[in-house]
Amino acid sequence: MARERREIRRIESAAARQVTFSKRRRGLFKKAEELAVLCDADVALVVFSATGRLSQFASSSVNDIVDKYSTHSKNLGKSHQQPSIDLNVEQSKYSGLNEQLAEETNGLRQMRGEDLEGLSVEELHRMERKLEAGLHRVISTKDQLFMQQIGELLQKGTQLEDENRRLKEQKISSLKTGSRLNL
């Protein structure tokens, strides 16, 4: 025989309300205990009656579970809030870097003689001075490399001359010793 479903609404009679509370509280505690045992879960249940009477169930200790909940909810709040702040910072950095990249790319194009429309005479003079300074640095670096290579080649030439002189002396010395042996 099936039970009749009861409409969920406030029970007007205080006595009936207390009896229903007592029965349902027992059922609720039984379900909490089953959940703790079957699933090896930490379960805490705290219920206050209409009269203010406290009823509680815990699979371990209510205080331990409440502390665990507090710690978890604090960390959860931080983890949800922190990525949002970090994301805003990263987006701001990204936007700044994108703007900087666009400016540098535009400047590079202008240095190559592209996209010069809209530049004032003063900006063109400034760009000309930058190009001349850059050209001067390139020529200076090239000259330094040439001088370095010339120095290395002169040193190599001196070493080869010394080696050639040493080999000639060695050959003359061996010829003198060889002619003495022939006599």
Protein backbone atom coordinates (compact mmCIF):
# COMPACT_ATOMS: atom_id res chain seq x y z
CA MET A 1 0.00 0.00 0.00
CA ALA A 2 1.61 3.27 -1.19
CA ARG A 3 1.72 6.39 0.94
CA GLU A 4 -0.27 9.36 -0.06
CA ARG A 5 1.78 12.34 -1.25
CA ARG A 6 1.39 15.33 0.95
CA GLU A 7 1.34 18.86 -0.41
CA ILE A 8 4.39 20.78 0.80
CA ARG A 9 3.17 23.82 2.70
CA ARG A 10 3.41 25.18 6.23
CA ILE A 11 1.57 23.11 8.84
CA GLU A 12 -0.69 25.42 10.84
CA SER A 13 -1.05 23.31 14.01
CA ALA A 14 1.99 23.70 16.30
CA ALA A 15 1.63 20.17 17.70
CA ALA A 16 1.33 18.59 14.24
CA ARG A 17 4.24 20.72 13.05
CA GLN A 18 6.40 19.45 15.96
CA VAL A 19 5.49 15.79 15.28
CA THR A 20 6.25 16.17 11.55
CA PHE A 21 9.53 17.94 12.34
CA SER A 22 10.58 15.12 14.68
CA LYS A 23 9.77 12.38 12.14
CA ARG A 24 11.37 14.15 9.19
CA ARG A 25 14.44 15.08 11.25
CA ARG A 26 14.99 11.37 12.05
CA GLY A 27 14.64 10.52 8.35
CA LEU A 28 17.03 13.32 7.38
CA PHE A 29 19.64 12.18 9.93
CA LYS A 30 19.25 8.58 8.71
CA LYS A 31 19.92 9.70 5.11
CA ALA A 32 22.94 11.75 6.22
CA GLU A 33 24.36 8.73 8.06
CA GLU A 34 23.78 6.46 5.04
CA LEU A 35 25.54 8.97 2.79
CA ALA A 36 28.52 9.10 5.17
CA VAL A 37 28.80 5.31 5.44
CA LEU A 38 28.10 4.35 1.83
CA CYS A 39 30.18 7.06 0.18
CA ASP A 40 32.82 7.60 2.88
CA ALA A 41 31.88 11.29 2.86
CA ASP A 42 32.30 13.86 5.60
CA VAL A 43 28.74 14.87 6.42
CA ALA A 44 27.57 17.45 8.92
CA LEU A 45 23.94 18.33 9.45
CA VAL A 46 22.78 21.12 11.73
CA VAL A 47 19.05 21.73 12.23
CA PHE A 48 17.24 24.23 14.45
CA SER A 49 13.59 23.60 15.28
CA ALA A 50 10.98 26.34 15.31
CA THR A 51 11.48 26.53 19.08
CA GLY A 52 15.22 27.08 18.61
CA ARG A 53 16.29 23.59 19.71
CA LEU A 54 19.56 22.44 18.08
CA SER A 55 19.87 19.00 16.49
CA GLN A 56 23.06 17.94 14.77
CA PHE A 57 24.66 14.96 13.07
CA ALA A 58 28.26 14.57 11.92
CA SER A 59 30.13 11.64 10.43
CA SER A 60 33.23 12.79 12.30
CA SER A 61 33.18 16.08 14.21
CA VAL A 62 30.90 19.00 13.39
CA ASN A 63 33.66 21.48 14.28
CA ASP A 64 36.19 19.72 12.02
CA ILE A 65 33.77 19.67 9.11
CA VAL A 66 32.78 23.32 9.65
CA ASP A 67 36.48 24.31 9.76
CA LYS A 68 37.08 22.35 6.56
CA TYR A 69 34.10 24.09 4.96
CA SER A 70 35.33 27.53 6.05
CA THR A 71 38.81 26.91 4.66
CA HIS A 72 37.41 25.55 1.41
CA SER A 73 34.96 28.41 0.91
CA LYS A 74 37.71 31.01 1.58
CA ASN A 75 40.02 29.31 -0.94
CA LEU A 76 37.16 28.97 -3.39
CA GLY A 77 36.44 32.69 -3.13
CA LYS A 78 40.10 33.52 -3.71
CA SER A 79 40.48 31.15 -6.64
CA HIS A 80 37.41 32.58 -8.37
CA GLN A 81 38.39 36.16 -7.71
CA GLN A 82 42.13 35.88 -8.39
CA PRO A 83 41.96 34.61 -12.00
CA SER A 84 39.64 37.48 -12.85
CA ILE A 85 42.14 40.00 -11.47
CA ASP A 86 45.07 38.18 -13.09
CA LEU A 87 43.17 38.00 -16.36
CA ASN A 88 42.51 41.74 -16.30
CA VAL A 89 46.19 42.44 -15.64
CA GLU A 90 47.25 40.09 -18.45
CA GLN A 91 44.73 41.62 -20.85
CA SER A 92 46.02 45.07 -19.99
CA LYS A 93 49.63 43.97 -20.61
CA TYR A 94 48.55 42.29 -23.85
CA SER A 95 46.80 45.45 -25.07
CA GLY A 96 49.84 47.57 -24.22
CA LEU A 97 52.18 45.18 -25.99
CA ASN A 98 49.89 45.08 -29.03
CA GLU A 99 49.91 48.87 -29.23
CA GLN A 100 53.69 48.94 -28.85
CA LEU A 101 54.07 46.29 -31.55
CA ALA A 102 51.83 48.26 -33.91
CA GLU A 103 53.85 51.44 -33.30
CA GLU A 104 57.19 49.66 -33.83
CA THR A 105 55.92 47.94 -36.98
CA ASN A 106 54.69 51.26 -38.34
CA GLY A 107 58.04 52.89 -37.47
CA LEU A 108 59.92 50.09 -39.23
CA ARG A 109 57.78 50.49 -42.35
CA GLN A 110 58.45 54.21 -42.32
CA MET A 111 62.21 53.62 -41.97
CA ARG A 112 61.99 51.48 -45.11
CA GLY A 113 60.28 54.37 -46.89
CA GLU A 114 56.74 52.94 -46.71
CA ASP A 115 53.66 54.59 -45.18
CA LEU A 116 55.18 58.07 -45.17
CA GLU A 117 51.88 59.79 -45.98
CA GLY A 118 50.68 62.08 -43.25
CA LEU A 119 54.13 62.73 -41.75
CA SER A 120 55.11 66.34 -41.17
CA VAL A 121 58.35 67.86 -42.47
CA GLU A 122 59.74 67.82 -38.92
CA GLU A 123 58.97 64.11 -38.53
CA LEU A 124 60.62 63.40 -41.88
CA HIS A 125 63.74 65.36 -40.79
CA ARG A 126 63.83 63.41 -37.52
CA MET A 127 63.56 60.15 -39.46
CA GLU A 128 66.33 61.29 -41.83
CA ARG A 129 68.63 62.00 -38.85
CA LYS A 130 67.85 58.56 -37.40
CA LEU A 131 68.64 56.92 -40.74
CA GLU A 132 71.90 58.88 -41.07
CA ALA A 133 72.91 57.91 -37.51
CA GLY A 134 72.06 54.29 -38.27
CA LEU A 135 74.03 54.41 -41.52
CA HIS A 136 77.00 55.91 -39.65
CA ARG A 137 76.87 53.04 -37.10
CA VAL A 138 76.70 50.47 -39.91
CA ILE A 139 79.70 52.03 -41.72
CA SER A 140 81.65 52.27 -38.46
CA THR A 141 80.96 48.62 -37.60
CA LYS A 142 81.90 47.55 -41.13
CA ASP A 143 85.18 49.53 -40.93
CA GLN A 144 86.00 47.94 -37.56
CA LEU A 145 85.43 44.47 -39.00
CA PHE A 146 87.60 45.27 -42.03
CA MET A 147 90.41 46.55 -39.79
CA GLN A 148 90.13 43.46 -37.61
CA GLN A 149 90.30 41.19 -40.67
CA ILE A 150 93.28 43.15 -42.06
CA GLY A 151 95.07 42.78 -38.71
CA GLU A 152 94.37 39.04 -38.65
CA LEU A 153 95.60 38.65 -42.25
CA LEU A 154 98.78 40.65 -41.50
CA GLN A 155 99.43 38.47 -38.46
CA LYS A 156 98.85 35.35 -40.55
CA GLY A 157 101.19 36.71 -43.26
CA THR A 158 103.91 37.34 -40.64
CA GLN A 159 103.47 33.82 -39.29
CA LEU A 160 103.73 32.36 -42.80
CA GLU A 161 106.88 34.40 -43.52
CA ASP A 162 108.43 33.18 -40.25
CA GLU A 163 107.48 29.60 -41.08
CA ASN A 164 108.88 29.98 -44.61
CA ARG A 165 112.16 31.40 -43.25
CA ARG A 166 112.42 28.56 -40.72
CA LEU A 167 111.80 25.95 -43.44
CA LYS A 168 114.42 27.54 -45.72
CA GLU A 169 116.97 27.50 -42.90
CA GLN A 170 116.09 23.90 -42.14
CA LYS A 171 116.50 22.96 -45.82
CA ILE A 172 119.85 24.76 -46.06
CA SER A 173 120.97 23.10 -42.88
CA SER A 174 119.96 19.67 -44.15
CA LEU A 175 121.66 20.29 -47.51
CA LYS A 176 124.89 21.26 -45.75
CA THR A 177 124.74 18.17 -43.60
CA GLY A 178 123.90 16.02 -46.65
CA SER A 179 126.82 17.40 -48.70
CA ARG A 180 129.25 16.68 -45.87
CA LEU A 181 128.06 13.11 -45.80
CA ASN A 182 128.61 12.75 -49.55
CA LEU A 183 132.22 13.89 -49.28
